[in-house]
Amino acid sequence: MLDEKIVRRGIFLLEKVSQTTYYFTKVGNDASRKQRKPGKVPASPGLYRKHSVSLLKLQTMFNARLAGHSEIDNHQLRSLAPSVFAGAAHAKVSDRYSFIPTATVVEGLRAEGWAPVWAGEQRIRLSDRQGFQKHMIRLARTDDLKRTQAERPELVLVNSHDRSSAYQLHAGIFRFVCSNGMILADSVFARISIMHVNFEPSKVIEASFNIVREMPAIADLLEGYKARTLNTVERRAFGEAALILKYDELEKAPVGAEKILAHRRQEDAAPTLWNTLNVVQENMMEGGQRDYNRRRPDSRRFFGKSRAVKGLDESVKLNKALWHLAETLRASEPLTPDHLRDHAEVSTAL
């Protein structure tokens, strides 16, 4: 049986044959745009598109939106990021490359009390890289999965099997109220990179405990963010700087700062630095905002929504740059919008 959460999120079940599930999504005038609509099987099938997908894949697709709350097993991990289970390295790697699949490292981390809670892989254009591309896994301590808390520290593991990435370890924060996963800036927790030459899984496991040792300091940092209240000028400056991070120039952004500063839940209404950082990060990562009052330099209106961030590299870069902006606000006197814009331009090079 499918999880009730999936049905509530708008899946139209047509039939289930073996392990294949057929479902509908609503199509408008433009067949490339799909809008999921909750309800029963549509009475007019001509207005809908029929899809087939494995039951496991369908479950994984929608559970991904709830990711972070529970451990994912290897079947779900393989469905989300097949490259984690690569059987060999890419043919173009050098003889010095020590191939050990990421899945082996994950099993070692599981044995040491880390549980995968989210996974994804890079979208690629070259077919010969399929199955070897960069992938990311978020892991939490198994003890933390059993606790009720506002935030949880995480280990973010990045790797590839095609020379595009060394093993990287980043510190992350998962926020339960919005299922929001963030990656800390290097100024807060230095990224750990481990080359594939003479690679041993124990190096990753040993490095993972650096995050465990830093957890008290990370918790103190979050308390400082929650205690710092931003005024209207600072919040708008933060929003404009964040738009520059993503679009290079403020004039190119399809939405204004007020749109990405708009909170989605009452818990984020207080104008603290922590709330502002989370609201901006969530809005920019998920996209979907419209600004009908926004105009281009030639006075034409912006059409469409702000785009979501889907690439792994862009996600890591944007997360870390936003944390750099937040650190500047936390550690300094109240900053002017011009100061933050300059800082955003520097952060784009990270």
C-alpha atoms as a PDB file:
ATOM      1  CA  MET A   1       0.000   0.000   0.000  1.00  0.00           C
ATOM      2  CA  LEU A   2       1.109   3.534  -0.697  1.00  0.00           C
ATOM      3  CA  ASP A   3       1.692   5.924   2.159  1.00  0.00           C
ATOM      4  CA  GLU A   4      -1.311   8.197   2.749  1.00  0.00           C
ATOM      5  CA  LYS A   5       1.037  11.180   2.460  1.00  0.00           C
ATOM      6  CA  ILE A   6       1.536  10.300  -1.209  1.00  0.00           C
ATOM      7  CA  VAL A   7      -2.207  10.270  -1.896  1.00  0.00           C
ATOM      8  CA  ARG A   8      -2.626  13.607  -0.144  1.00  0.00           C
ATOM      9  CA  ARG A   9       0.104  15.076  -2.332  1.00  0.00           C
ATOM     10  CA  GLY A  10      -1.931  14.554  -5.461  1.00  0.00           C
ATOM     11  CA  ILE A  11      -1.285  11.146  -6.965  1.00  0.00           C
ATOM     12  CA  PHE A  12      -4.089   9.702  -9.065  1.00  0.00           C
ATOM     13  CA  LEU A  13      -3.758   5.919  -8.844  1.00  0.00           C
ATOM     14  CA  LEU A  14      -5.083   4.236 -11.982  1.00  0.00           C
ATOM     15  CA  GLU A  15      -3.985   0.672 -11.496  1.00  0.00           C
ATOM     16  CA  LYS A  16      -1.193  -1.331  -9.987  1.00  0.00           C
ATOM     17  CA  VAL A  17       0.295  -4.238 -11.907  1.00  0.00           C
ATOM     18  CA  SER A  18       3.023  -6.162 -10.102  1.00  0.00           C
ATOM     19  CA  GLN A  19       5.514  -3.511  -8.935  1.00  0.00           C
ATOM     20  CA  THR A  20       4.400  -0.888 -11.469  1.00  0.00           C
ATOM     21  CA  THR A  21       2.016   1.904 -10.522  1.00  0.00           C
ATOM     22  CA  TYR A  22       0.204   4.059 -13.064  1.00  0.00           C
ATOM     23  CA  TYR A  23      -0.814   7.578 -12.129  1.00  0.00           C
ATOM     24  CA  PHE A  24      -2.073  10.800 -13.718  1.00  0.00           C
ATOM     25  CA  THR A  25      -0.847  14.377 -13.577  1.00  0.00           C
ATOM     26  CA  LYS A  26      -2.913  17.279 -14.833  1.00  0.00           C
ATOM     27  CA  VAL A  27      -1.709  19.049 -17.975  1.00  0.00           C
ATOM     28  CA  GLY A  28      -2.630  22.584 -18.983  1.00  0.00           C
ATOM     29  CA  ASN A  29      -2.419  24.182 -22.410  1.00  0.00           C
ATOM     30  CA  ASP A  30       1.327  23.701 -22.367  1.00  0.00           C
ATOM     31  CA  ALA A  31       1.911  19.945 -22.134  1.00  0.00           C
ATOM     32  CA  SER A  32       5.393  20.501 -20.733  1.00  0.00           C
ATOM     33  CA  ARG A  33       3.961  22.083 -17.581  1.00  0.00           C
ATOM     34  CA  LYS A  34       2.476  19.620 -15.113  1.00  0.00           C
ATOM     35  CA  GLN A  35       0.411  20.496 -12.076  1.00  0.00           C
ATOM     36  CA  ARG A  36      -0.409  17.875  -9.506  1.00  0.00           C
ATOM     37  CA  LYS A  37      -3.974  18.089  -8.327  1.00  0.00           C
ATOM     38  CA  PRO A  38      -5.371  16.247  -5.292  1.00  0.00           C
ATOM     39  CA  GLY A  39      -8.540  14.231  -5.726  1.00  0.00           C
ATOM     40  CA  LYS A  40      -9.871  11.115  -7.376  1.00  0.00           C
ATOM     41  CA  VAL A  41      -9.050   9.568 -10.719  1.00  0.00           C
ATOM     42  CA  PRO A  42      -9.981  12.262 -13.285  1.00  0.00           C
ATOM     43  CA  ALA A  43     -13.255  11.900 -15.178  1.00  0.00           C
ATOM     44  CA  SER A  44     -11.715  13.351 -18.355  1.00  0.00           C
ATOM     45  CA  PRO A  45      -8.522  11.358 -19.027  1.00  0.00           C
ATOM     46  CA  GLY A  46      -7.794  13.448 -22.111  1.00  0.00           C
ATOM     47  CA  LEU A  47      -6.788  16.375 -19.879  1.00  0.00           C
ATOM     48  CA  TYR A  48      -4.275  14.290 -17.988  1.00  0.00           C
ATOM     49  CA  ARG A  49      -1.043  12.493 -18.751  1.00  0.00           C
ATOM     50  CA  LYS A  50      -0.572   8.878 -17.794  1.00  0.00           C
ATOM     51  CA  HIS A  51       2.710   7.874 -16.143  1.00  0.00           C
ATOM     52  CA  SER A  52       4.137   4.557 -15.070  1.00  0.00           C
ATOM     53  CA  VAL A  53       6.766   4.197 -12.387  1.00  0.00           C
ATOM     54  CA  SER A  54       7.925   1.493 -10.020  1.00  0.00           C
ATOM     55  CA  LEU A  55       6.212   1.509  -6.670  1.00  0.00           C
ATOM     56  CA  LEU A  56       9.568   1.974  -4.922  1.00  0.00           C
ATOM     57  CA  LYS A  57      10.457   4.934  -7.142  1.00  0.00           C
ATOM     58  CA  LEU A  58       7.065   6.555  -6.580  1.00  0.00           C
ATOM     59  CA  GLN A  59       7.377   6.118  -2.826  1.00  0.00           C
ATOM     60  CA  THR A  60      10.917   7.506  -2.922  1.00  0.00           C
ATOM     61  CA  MET A  61       9.953  10.516  -5.075  1.00  0.00           C
ATOM     62  CA  PHE A  62       7.437  11.792  -2.590  1.00  0.00           C
ATOM     63  CA  ASN A  63       9.222  10.676   0.552  1.00  0.00           C
ATOM     64  CA  ALA A  64      12.155  12.775  -0.700  1.00  0.00           C
ATOM     65  CA  ARG A  65      10.075  15.843   0.122  1.00  0.00           C
ATOM     66  CA  LEU A  66       9.834  14.538   3.681  1.00  0.00           C
ATOM     67  CA  ALA A  67      13.483  13.486   3.743  1.00  0.00           C
ATOM     68  CA  GLY A  68      15.510  13.995   6.861  1.00  0.00           C
ATOM     69  CA  HIS A  69      12.971  12.653   9.328  1.00  0.00           C
ATOM     70  CA  SER A  70      13.959   8.998   9.064  1.00  0.00           C
ATOM     71  CA  GLU A  71      16.722   6.734   7.809  1.00  0.00           C
ATOM     72  CA  ILE A  72      16.654   5.595   4.190  1.00  0.00           C
ATOM     73  CA  ASP A  73      17.684   2.040   3.341  1.00  0.00           C
ATOM     74  CA  ASN A  74      19.899   0.923   0.483  1.00  0.00           C
ATOM     75  CA  HIS A  75      16.955   0.319  -1.869  1.00  0.00           C
ATOM     76  CA  GLN A  76      15.809   3.920  -1.467  1.00  0.00           C
ATOM     77  CA  LEU A  77      19.399   5.143  -1.654  1.00  0.00           C
ATOM     78  CA  ARG A  78      19.934   3.319  -4.958  1.00  0.00           C
ATOM     79  CA  SER A  79      16.710   4.776  -6.342  1.00  0.00           C
ATOM     80  CA  LEU A  80      17.682   8.340  -5.414  1.00  0.00           C
ATOM     81  CA  ALA A  81      21.362   8.140  -6.414  1.00  0.00           C
ATOM     82  CA  PRO A  82      22.396   5.044  -8.411  1.00  0.00           C
ATOM     83  CA  SER A  83      25.948   6.381  -8.797  1.00  0.00           C
ATOM     84  CA  VAL A  84      26.525   5.690  -5.083  1.00  0.00           C
ATOM     85  CA  PHE A  85      26.606   1.990  -5.998  1.00  0.00           C
ATOM     86  CA  ALA A  86      28.934   2.228  -9.010  1.00  0.00           C
ATOM     87  CA  GLY A  87      30.632  -1.075  -9.790  1.00  0.00           C
ATOM     88  CA  ALA A  88      33.817   0.520 -11.126  1.00  0.00           C
ATOM     89  CA  ALA A  89      35.404   3.905 -11.696  1.00  0.00           C
ATOM     90  CA  HIS A  90      34.995   5.824 -14.951  1.00  0.00           C
ATOM     91  CA  ALA A  91      37.258   4.561 -17.735  1.00  0.00           C
ATOM     92  CA  LYS A  92      39.125   7.882 -17.927  1.00  0.00           C
ATOM     93  CA  VAL A  93      40.468   7.939 -14.364  1.00  0.00           C
ATOM     94  CA  SER A  94      44.214   7.425 -13.874  1.00  0.00           C
ATOM     95  CA  ASP A  95      45.945   4.285 -12.638  1.00  0.00           C
ATOM     96  CA  ARG A  96      46.594   6.010  -9.298  1.00  0.00           C
ATOM     97  CA  TYR A  97      42.850   6.298  -8.640  1.00  0.00           C
ATOM     98  CA  SER A  98      41.772   4.061  -5.756  1.00  0.00           C
ATOM     99  CA  PHE A  99      38.212   2.965  -6.477  1.00  0.00           C
ATOM    100  CA  ILE A 100      35.983   2.212  -3.523  1.00  0.00           C
ATOM    101  CA  PRO A 101      32.251   2.780  -4.129  1.00  0.00           C
ATOM    102  CA  THR A 102      30.557   5.367  -1.971  1.00  0.00           C
ATOM    103  CA  ALA A 103      28.157   2.628  -0.836  1.00  0.00           C
ATOM    104  CA  THR A 104      31.058   0.947   0.980  1.00  0.00           C
ATOM    105  CA  VAL A 105      31.858   4.180   2.810  1.00  0.00           C
ATOM    106  CA  VAL A 106      28.170   4.623   3.712  1.00  0.00           C
ATOM    107  CA  GLU A 107      28.087   1.134   5.224  1.00  0.00           C
ATOM    108  CA  GLY A 108      31.155   2.019   7.281  1.00  0.00           C
ATOM    109  CA  LEU A 109      29.455   5.182   8.496  1.00  0.00           C
ATOM    110  CA  ARG A 110      26.296   3.219   9.360  1.00  0.00           C
ATOM    111  CA  ALA A 111      28.410   0.953  11.565  1.00  0.00           C
ATOM    112  CA  GLU A 112      29.692   4.040  13.393  1.00  0.00           C
ATOM    113  CA  GLY A 113      26.223   5.429  14.138  1.00  0.00           C
ATOM    114  CA  TRP A 114      25.524   7.554  11.037  1.00  0.00           C
ATOM    115  CA  ALA A 115      22.250   7.088   9.136  1.00  0.00           C
ATOM    116  CA  PRO A 116      21.602   8.335   5.559  1.00  0.00           C
ATOM    117  CA  VAL A 117      18.501  10.553   5.483  1.00  0.00           C
ATOM    118  CA  TRP A 118      18.708  12.119   1.995  1.00  0.00           C
ATOM    119  CA  ALA A 119      20.553  11.484  -1.268  1.00  0.00           C
ATOM    120  CA  GLY A 120      20.787  12.988  -4.733  1.00  0.00           C
ATOM    121  CA  GLU A 121      23.058  12.999  -7.766  1.00  0.00           C
ATOM    122  CA  GLN A 122      24.160  15.466 -10.408  1.00  0.00           C
ATOM    123  CA  ARG A 123      22.261  15.780 -13.650  1.00  0.00           C
ATOM    124  CA  ILE A 124      24.562  15.084 -16.565  1.00  0.00           C
ATOM    125  CA  ARG A 125      24.518  15.550 -20.328  1.00  0.00           C
ATOM    126  CA  LEU A 126      27.226  13.096 -21.375  1.00  0.00           C
ATOM    127  CA  SER A 127      25.891   9.549 -21.374  1.00  0.00           C
ATOM    128  CA  ASP A 128      29.305   8.010 -20.636  1.00  0.00           C
ATOM    129  CA  ARG A 129      29.279   9.703 -17.207  1.00  0.00           C
ATOM    130  CA  GLN A 130      25.950   8.150 -16.234  1.00  0.00           C
ATOM    131  CA  GLY A 131      26.376   6.114 -13.066  1.00  0.00           C
ATOM    132  CA  PHE A 132      29.689   7.784 -12.165  1.00  0.00           C
ATOM    133  CA  GLN A 133      28.611  11.413 -11.612  1.00  0.00           C
ATOM    134  CA  LYS A 134      28.858  13.548  -8.490  1.00  0.00           C
ATOM    135  CA  HIS A 135      26.442  12.605  -5.728  1.00  0.00           C
ATOM    136  CA  MET A 136      25.558  13.882  -2.266  1.00  0.00           C
ATOM    137  CA  ILE A 137      24.342  12.075   0.847  1.00  0.00           C
ATOM    138  CA  ARG A 138      23.164  13.691   4.064  1.00  0.00           C
ATOM    139  CA  LEU A 139      23.679  11.621   7.229  1.00  0.00           C
ATOM    140  CA  ALA A 140      22.517  12.122  10.801  1.00  0.00           C
ATOM    141  CA  ARG A 141      23.463  10.446  14.038  1.00  0.00           C
ATOM    142  CA  THR A 142      21.043   7.578  14.692  1.00  0.00           C
ATOM    143  CA  ASP A 143      20.522   8.835  18.254  1.00  0.00           C
ATOM    144  CA  ASP A 144      19.367  12.217  16.896  1.00  0.00           C
ATOM    145  CA  LEU A 145      16.682  10.576  14.743  1.00  0.00           C
ATOM    146  CA  LYS A 146      14.926   9.417  17.909  1.00  0.00           C
ATOM    147  CA  ARG A 147      14.891  12.849  19.554  1.00  0.00           C
ATOM    148  CA  THR A 148      12.463  15.728  19.244  1.00  0.00           C
ATOM    149  CA  GLN A 149      14.442  18.895  18.657  1.00  0.00           C
ATOM    150  CA  ALA A 150      14.292  22.053  16.569  1.00  0.00           C
ATOM    151  CA  GLU A 151      17.543  21.466  14.669  1.00  0.00           C
ATOM    152  CA  ARG A 152      19.951  18.617  14.129  1.00  0.00           C
ATOM    153  CA  PRO A 153      23.619  18.599  13.008  1.00  0.00           C
ATOM    154  CA  GLU A 154      24.354  16.519   9.920  1.00  0.00           C
ATOM    155  CA  LEU A 155      27.261  15.141   7.933  1.00  0.00           C
ATOM    156  CA  VAL A 156      27.110  16.005   4.224  1.00  0.00           C
ATOM    157  CA  LEU A 157      29.132  13.593   2.061  1.00  0.00           C
ATOM    158  CA  VAL A 158      29.960  14.478  -1.564  1.00  0.00           C
ATOM    159  CA  ASN A 159      31.816  12.191  -3.978  1.00  0.00           C
ATOM    160  CA  SER A 160      32.018  11.045  -7.590  1.00  0.00           C
ATOM    161  CA  HIS A 161      33.594   8.186  -9.542  1.00  0.00           C
ATOM    162  CA  ASP A 162      34.555  10.194 -12.648  1.00  0.00           C
ATOM    163  CA  ARG A 163      37.307  12.522 -11.319  1.00  0.00           C
ATOM    164  CA  SER A 164      34.881  15.447 -10.905  1.00  0.00           C
ATOM    165  CA  SER A 165      35.093  15.416  -7.103  1.00  0.00           C
ATOM    166  CA  ALA A 166      37.216  14.147  -4.254  1.00  0.00           C
ATOM    167  CA  TYR A 167      35.529  12.825  -1.133  1.00  0.00           C
ATOM    168  CA  GLN A 168      34.204  15.948   0.616  1.00  0.00           C
ATOM    169  CA  LEU A 169      32.775  16.257   4.100  1.00  0.00           C
ATOM    170  CA  HIS A 170      30.692  19.291   5.048  1.00  0.00           C
ATOM    171  CA  ALA A 171      28.807  20.123   8.222  1.00  0.00           C
ATOM    172  CA  GLY A 172      25.070  20.583   7.807  1.00  0.00           C
ATOM    173  CA  ILE A 173      22.022  21.570   9.811  1.00  0.00           C
ATOM    174  CA  PHE A 174      18.557  20.037   9.425  1.00  0.00           C
ATOM    175  CA  ARG A 175      15.588  22.087  10.607  1.00  0.00           C
ATOM    176  CA  PHE A 176      12.527  19.998  11.442  1.00  0.00           C
ATOM    177  CA  VAL A 177       9.829  22.664  11.190  1.00  0.00           C
ATOM    178  CA  CYS A 178      10.406  23.060   7.438  1.00  0.00           C
ATOM    179  CA  SER A 179      12.410  19.884   6.606  1.00  0.00           C
ATOM    180  CA  ASN A 180      15.113  22.298   5.503  1.00  0.00           C
ATOM    181  CA  GLY A 181      18.676  21.043   5.068  1.00  0.00           C
ATOM    182  CA  MET A 182      21.489  23.591   5.137  1.00  0.00           C
ATOM    183  CA  ILE A 183      25.267  23.402   4.643  1.00  0.00           C
ATOM    184  CA  LEU A 184      27.537  25.467   6.879  1.00  0.00           C
ATOM    185  CA  ALA A 185      30.113  27.839   5.467  1.00  0.00           C
ATOM    186  CA  ASP A 186      33.789  26.880   5.560  1.00  0.00           C
ATOM    187  CA  SER A 187      34.389  29.758   7.974  1.00  0.00           C
ATOM    188  CA  VAL A 188      32.119  27.950  10.471  1.00  0.00           C
ATOM    189  CA  PHE A 189      33.277  24.383   9.798  1.00  0.00           C
ATOM    190  CA  ALA A 190      36.158  23.798   7.401  1.00  0.00           C
ATOM    191  CA  ARG A 191      35.349  21.434   4.539  1.00  0.00           C
ATOM    192  CA  ILE A 192      37.363  18.213   4.600  1.00  0.00           C
ATOM    193  CA  SER A 193      38.575  16.881   1.228  1.00  0.00           C
ATOM    194  CA  ILE A 194      40.090  13.422   0.806  1.00  0.00           C
ATOM    195  CA  MET A 195      41.672  12.528  -2.536  1.00  0.00           C
ATOM    196  CA  HIS A 196      41.011   9.174  -4.215  1.00  0.00           C
ATOM    197  CA  VAL A 197      44.742   8.399  -4.456  1.00  0.00           C
ATOM    198  CA  ASN A 198      45.553   5.769  -1.785  1.00  0.00           C
ATOM    199  CA  PHE A 199      42.044   6.242  -0.446  1.00  0.00           C
ATOM    200  CA  GLU A 200      40.878   4.296   2.601  1.00  0.00           C
ATOM    201  CA  PRO A 201      37.247   4.383   3.888  1.00  0.00           C
ATOM    202  CA  SER A 202      38.588   4.784   7.420  1.00  0.00           C
ATOM    203  CA  LYS A 203      39.750   8.312   6.483  1.00  0.00           C
ATOM    204  CA  VAL A 204      36.151   9.405   5.894  1.00  0.00           C
ATOM    205  CA  ILE A 205      34.936   7.710   9.066  1.00  0.00           C
ATOM    206  CA  GLU A 206      37.683   9.339  11.130  1.00  0.00           C
ATOM    207  CA  ALA A 207      36.953  12.743   9.604  1.00  0.00           C
ATOM    208  CA  SER A 208      33.225  12.355  10.308  1.00  0.00           C
ATOM    209  CA  PHE A 209      33.902  12.523  14.026  1.00  0.00           C
ATOM    210  CA  ASN A 210      35.296  16.036  13.595  1.00  0.00           C
ATOM    211  CA  ILE A 211      31.660  17.078  13.160  1.00  0.00           C
ATOM    212  CA  VAL A 212      30.696  15.208  16.334  1.00  0.00           C
ATOM    213  CA  ARG A 213      33.395  17.115  18.222  1.00  0.00           C
ATOM    214  CA  GLU A 214      32.192  20.423  16.762  1.00  0.00           C
ATOM    215  CA  MET A 215      28.508  19.882  17.620  1.00  0.00           C
ATOM    216  CA  PRO A 216      28.583  21.939  20.859  1.00  0.00           C
ATOM    217  CA  ALA A 217      30.192  24.878  19.022  1.00  0.00           C
ATOM    218  CA  ILE A 218      27.631  24.622  16.203  1.00  0.00           C
ATOM    219  CA  ALA A 219      24.798  24.649  18.775  1.00  0.00           C
ATOM    220  CA  ASP A 220      26.243  27.802  20.371  1.00  0.00           C
ATOM    221  CA  LEU A 221      26.467  29.403  16.934  1.00  0.00           C
ATOM    222  CA  LEU A 222      22.763  28.764  16.284  1.00  0.00           C
ATOM    223  CA  GLU A 223      21.835  30.317  19.615  1.00  0.00           C
ATOM    224  CA  GLY A 224      23.733  33.438  18.575  1.00  0.00           C
ATOM    225  CA  TYR A 225      21.784  33.562  15.307  1.00  0.00           C
ATOM    226  CA  LYS A 226      18.482  33.206  17.164  1.00  0.00           C
ATOM    227  CA  ALA A 227      19.404  35.992  19.592  1.00  0.00           C
ATOM    228  CA  ARG A 228      20.341  38.471  16.841  1.00  0.00           C
ATOM    229  CA  THR A 229      17.325  40.547  15.755  1.00  0.00           C
ATOM    230  CA  LEU A 230      17.539  42.258  12.373  1.00  0.00           C
ATOM    231  CA  ASN A 231      15.970  45.591  11.571  1.00  0.00           C
ATOM    232  CA  THR A 232      14.085  46.269   8.340  1.00  0.00           C
ATOM    233  CA  VAL A 233      17.137  47.687   6.545  1.00  0.00           C
ATOM    234  CA  GLU A 234      19.305  44.699   7.474  1.00  0.00           C
ATOM    235  CA  ARG A 235      16.675  42.173   6.381  1.00  0.00           C
ATOM    236  CA  ARG A 236      16.180  43.844   3.015  1.00  0.00           C
ATOM    237  CA  ALA A 237      19.928  44.131   2.533  1.00  0.00           C
ATOM    238  CA  PHE A 238      20.302  40.420   3.288  1.00  0.00           C
ATOM    239  CA  GLY A 239      17.558  39.579   0.786  1.00  0.00           C
ATOM    240  CA  GLU A 240      19.094  41.731  -1.959  1.00  0.00           C
ATOM    241  CA  ALA A 241      22.553  40.290  -1.318  1.00  0.00           C
ATOM    242  CA  ALA A 242      21.127  36.762  -1.561  1.00  0.00           C
ATOM    243  CA  LEU A 243      19.554  37.582  -4.938  1.00  0.00           C
ATOM    244  CA  ILE A 244      22.922  38.852  -6.183  1.00  0.00           C
ATOM    245  CA  LEU A 245      24.469  35.547  -5.115  1.00  0.00           C
ATOM    246  CA  LYS A 246      22.078  33.645  -7.359  1.00  0.00           C
ATOM    247  CA  TYR A 247      21.542  36.028 -10.284  1.00  0.00           C
ATOM    248  CA  ASP A 248      24.839  38.030 -10.268  1.00  0.00           C
ATOM    249  CA  GLU A 249      22.940  41.316 -10.646  1.00  0.00           C
ATOM    250  CA  LEU A 250      19.894  42.515  -8.728  1.00  0.00           C
ATOM    251  CA  GLU A 251      18.257  43.750 -11.942  1.00  0.00           C
ATOM    252  CA  LYS A 252      18.330  40.208 -13.405  1.00  0.00           C
ATOM    253  CA  ALA A 253      16.398  38.666 -10.511  1.00  0.00           C
ATOM    254  CA  PRO A 254      12.767  37.834 -11.451  1.00  0.00           C
ATOM    255  CA  VAL A 255      11.582  38.683  -7.932  1.00  0.00           C
ATOM    256  CA  GLY A 256      12.322  41.420  -5.435  1.00  0.00           C
ATOM    257  CA  ALA A 257      13.843  40.975  -1.977  1.00  0.00           C
ATOM    258  CA  GLU A 258      10.427  41.146  -0.309  1.00  0.00           C
ATOM    259  CA  LYS A 259       9.409  37.891  -2.045  1.00  0.00           C
ATOM    260  CA  ILE A 260      12.306  35.791  -0.775  1.00  0.00           C
ATOM    261  CA  LEU A 261      11.938  37.366   2.687  1.00  0.00           C
ATOM    262  CA  ALA A 262       8.281  36.268   2.907  1.00  0.00           C
ATOM    263  CA  HIS A 263       7.956  33.524   5.524  1.00  0.00           C
ATOM    264  CA  ARG A 264       5.901  30.408   4.796  1.00  0.00           C
ATOM    265  CA  ARG A 265       4.976  29.561   8.380  1.00  0.00           C
ATOM    266  CA  GLN A 266       4.220  31.521  11.529  1.00  0.00           C
ATOM    267  CA  GLU A 267       7.210  30.040  13.366  1.00  0.00           C
ATOM    268  CA  ASP A 268       9.492  32.082  11.095  1.00  0.00           C
ATOM    269  CA  ALA A 269       7.717  35.420  11.562  1.00  0.00           C
ATOM    270  CA  ALA A 270      10.150  36.851  14.140  1.00  0.00           C
ATOM    271  CA  PRO A 271      12.868  38.927  12.365  1.00  0.00           C
ATOM    272  CA  THR A 272      15.831  37.067  13.864  1.00  0.00           C
ATOM    273  CA  LEU A 273      18.968  36.296  11.889  1.00  0.00           C
ATOM    274  CA  TRP A 274      18.240  32.559  12.155  1.00  0.00           C
ATOM    275  CA  ASN A 275      14.693  32.909  10.812  1.00  0.00           C
ATOM    276  CA  THR A 276      15.789  35.258   8.044  1.00  0.00           C
ATOM    277  CA  LEU A 277      18.565  32.902   6.938  1.00  0.00           C
ATOM    278  CA  ASN A 278      16.173  29.936   6.862  1.00  0.00           C
ATOM    279  CA  VAL A 279      13.393  31.799   5.055  1.00  0.00           C
ATOM    280  CA  VAL A 280      15.736  33.136   2.360  1.00  0.00           C
ATOM    281  CA  GLN A 281      17.507  29.790   1.919  1.00  0.00           C
ATOM    282  CA  GLU A 282      14.239  27.857   1.627  1.00  0.00           C
ATOM    283  CA  ASN A 283      12.680  30.317  -0.835  1.00  0.00           C
ATOM    284  CA  MET A 284      15.767  30.435  -3.019  1.00  0.00           C
ATOM    285  CA  MET A 285      16.354  26.694  -3.019  1.00  0.00           C
ATOM    286  CA  GLU A 286      12.742  25.771  -3.782  1.00  0.00           C
ATOM    287  CA  GLY A 287      11.911  28.726  -6.047  1.00  0.00           C
ATOM    288  CA  GLY A 288       8.346  29.180  -7.267  1.00  0.00           C
ATOM    289  CA  GLN A 289       7.888  32.858  -6.323  1.00  0.00           C
ATOM    290  CA  ARG A 290       6.159  35.295  -8.681  1.00  0.00           C
ATOM    291  CA  ASP A 291       6.544  39.069  -8.612  1.00  0.00           C
ATOM    292  CA  TYR A 292       3.997  40.764 -10.867  1.00  0.00           C
ATOM    293  CA  ASN A 293       5.350  44.209 -10.010  1.00  0.00           C
ATOM    294  CA  ARG A 294       8.883  43.345 -11.093  1.00  0.00           C
ATOM    295  CA  ARG A 295      10.174  45.076 -14.230  1.00  0.00           C
ATOM    296  CA  ARG A 296      13.219  44.524 -16.429  1.00  0.00           C
ATOM    297  CA  PRO A 297      15.553  47.448 -17.242  1.00  0.00           C
ATOM    298  CA  ASP A 298      13.595  47.937 -20.501  1.00  0.00           C
ATOM    299  CA  SER A 299      10.340  48.160 -18.479  1.00  0.00           C
ATOM    300  CA  ARG A 300       9.093  44.763 -19.626  1.00  0.00           C
ATOM    301  CA  ARG A 301       7.560  42.516 -17.013  1.00  0.00           C
ATOM    302  CA  PHE A 302       9.277  39.357 -15.718  1.00  0.00           C
ATOM    303  CA  PHE A 303       7.277  36.265 -16.631  1.00  0.00           C
ATOM    304  CA  GLY A 304       7.352  32.918 -14.896  1.00  0.00           C
ATOM    305  CA  LYS A 305       8.490  31.914 -11.448  1.00  0.00           C
ATOM    306  CA  SER A 306      11.861  32.027  -9.766  1.00  0.00           C
ATOM    307  CA  ARG A 307      13.671  28.787 -10.506  1.00  0.00           C
ATOM    308  CA  ALA A 308      14.542  26.153  -7.950  1.00  0.00           C
ATOM    309  CA  VAL A 309      18.154  25.157  -7.316  1.00  0.00           C
ATOM    310  CA  LYS A 310      18.606  21.581  -8.544  1.00  0.00           C
ATOM    311  CA  GLY A 311      22.340  21.216  -9.210  1.00  0.00           C
ATOM    312  CA  LEU A 312      24.504  19.829  -6.408  1.00  0.00           C
ATOM    313  CA  ASP A 313      27.342  22.302  -7.006  1.00  0.00           C
ATOM    314  CA  GLU A 314      24.992  25.283  -7.085  1.00  0.00           C
ATOM    315  CA  SER A 315      23.258  24.049  -3.927  1.00  0.00           C
ATOM    316  CA  VAL A 316      26.496  23.754  -1.950  1.00  0.00           C
ATOM    317  CA  LYS A 317      27.810  27.081  -3.242  1.00  0.00           C
ATOM    318  CA  LEU A 318      24.599  28.989  -2.459  1.00  0.00           C
ATOM    319  CA  ASN A 319      24.227  27.436   0.999  1.00  0.00           C
ATOM    320  CA  LYS A 320      27.772  28.308   2.005  1.00  0.00           C
ATOM    321  CA  ALA A 321      27.574  31.842   0.608  1.00  0.00           C
ATOM    322  CA  LEU A 322      24.345  32.538   2.529  1.00  0.00           C
ATOM    323  CA  TRP A 323      26.043  31.361   5.714  1.00  0.00           C
ATOM    324  CA  HIS A 324      28.935  33.738   4.997  1.00  0.00           C
ATOM    325  CA  LEU A 325      26.449  36.608   4.765  1.00  0.00           C
ATOM    326  CA  ALA A 326      24.802  35.539   8.006  1.00  0.00           C
ATOM    327  CA  GLU A 327      28.174  35.303   9.745  1.00  0.00           C
ATOM    328  CA  THR A 328      28.966  38.842   8.636  1.00  0.00           C
ATOM    329  CA  LEU A 329      25.746  40.100  10.201  1.00  0.00           C
ATOM    330  CA  ARG A 330      26.227  38.112  13.394  1.00  0.00           C
ATOM    331  CA  ALA A 331      29.795  39.218  14.017  1.00  0.00           C
ATOM    332  CA  SER A 332      29.624  42.842  12.884  1.00  0.00           C
ATOM    333  CA  GLU A 333      27.823  46.041  13.643  1.00  0.00           C
ATOM    334  CA  PRO A 334      24.590  46.636  11.670  1.00  0.00           C
ATOM    335  CA  LEU A 335      25.580  46.624   8.004  1.00  0.00           C
ATOM    336  CA  THR A 336      24.369  48.792   5.168  1.00  0.00           C
ATOM    337  CA  PRO A 337      22.843  47.332   1.980  1.00  0.00           C
ATOM    338  CA  ASP A 338      25.899  48.413  -0.032  1.00  0.00           C
ATOM    339  CA  HIS A 339      28.200  46.535   2.351  1.00  0.00           C
ATOM    340  CA  LEU A 340      26.183  43.357   1.991  1.00  0.00           C
ATOM    341  CA  ARG A 341      26.025  43.667  -1.788  1.00  0.00           C
ATOM    342  CA  ASP A 342      29.809  43.873  -1.901  1.00  0.00           C
ATOM    343  CA  HIS A 343      30.059  40.844   0.370  1.00  0.00           C
ATOM    344  CA  ALA A 344      27.673  38.891  -1.856  1.00  0.00           C
ATOM    345  CA  GLU A 345      29.811  39.584  -4.887  1.00  0.00           C
ATOM    346  CA  VAL A 346      32.858  38.234  -3.070  1.00  0.00           C
ATOM    347  CA  SER A 347      30.899  35.164  -1.906  1.00  0.00           C
ATOM    348  CA  THR A 348      30.015  34.136  -5.466  1.00  0.00           C
ATOM    349  CA  ALA A 349      33.659  33.175  -5.940  1.00  0.00           C
ATOM    350  CA  LEU A 350      33.569  30.556  -3.156  1.00  0.00           C
END
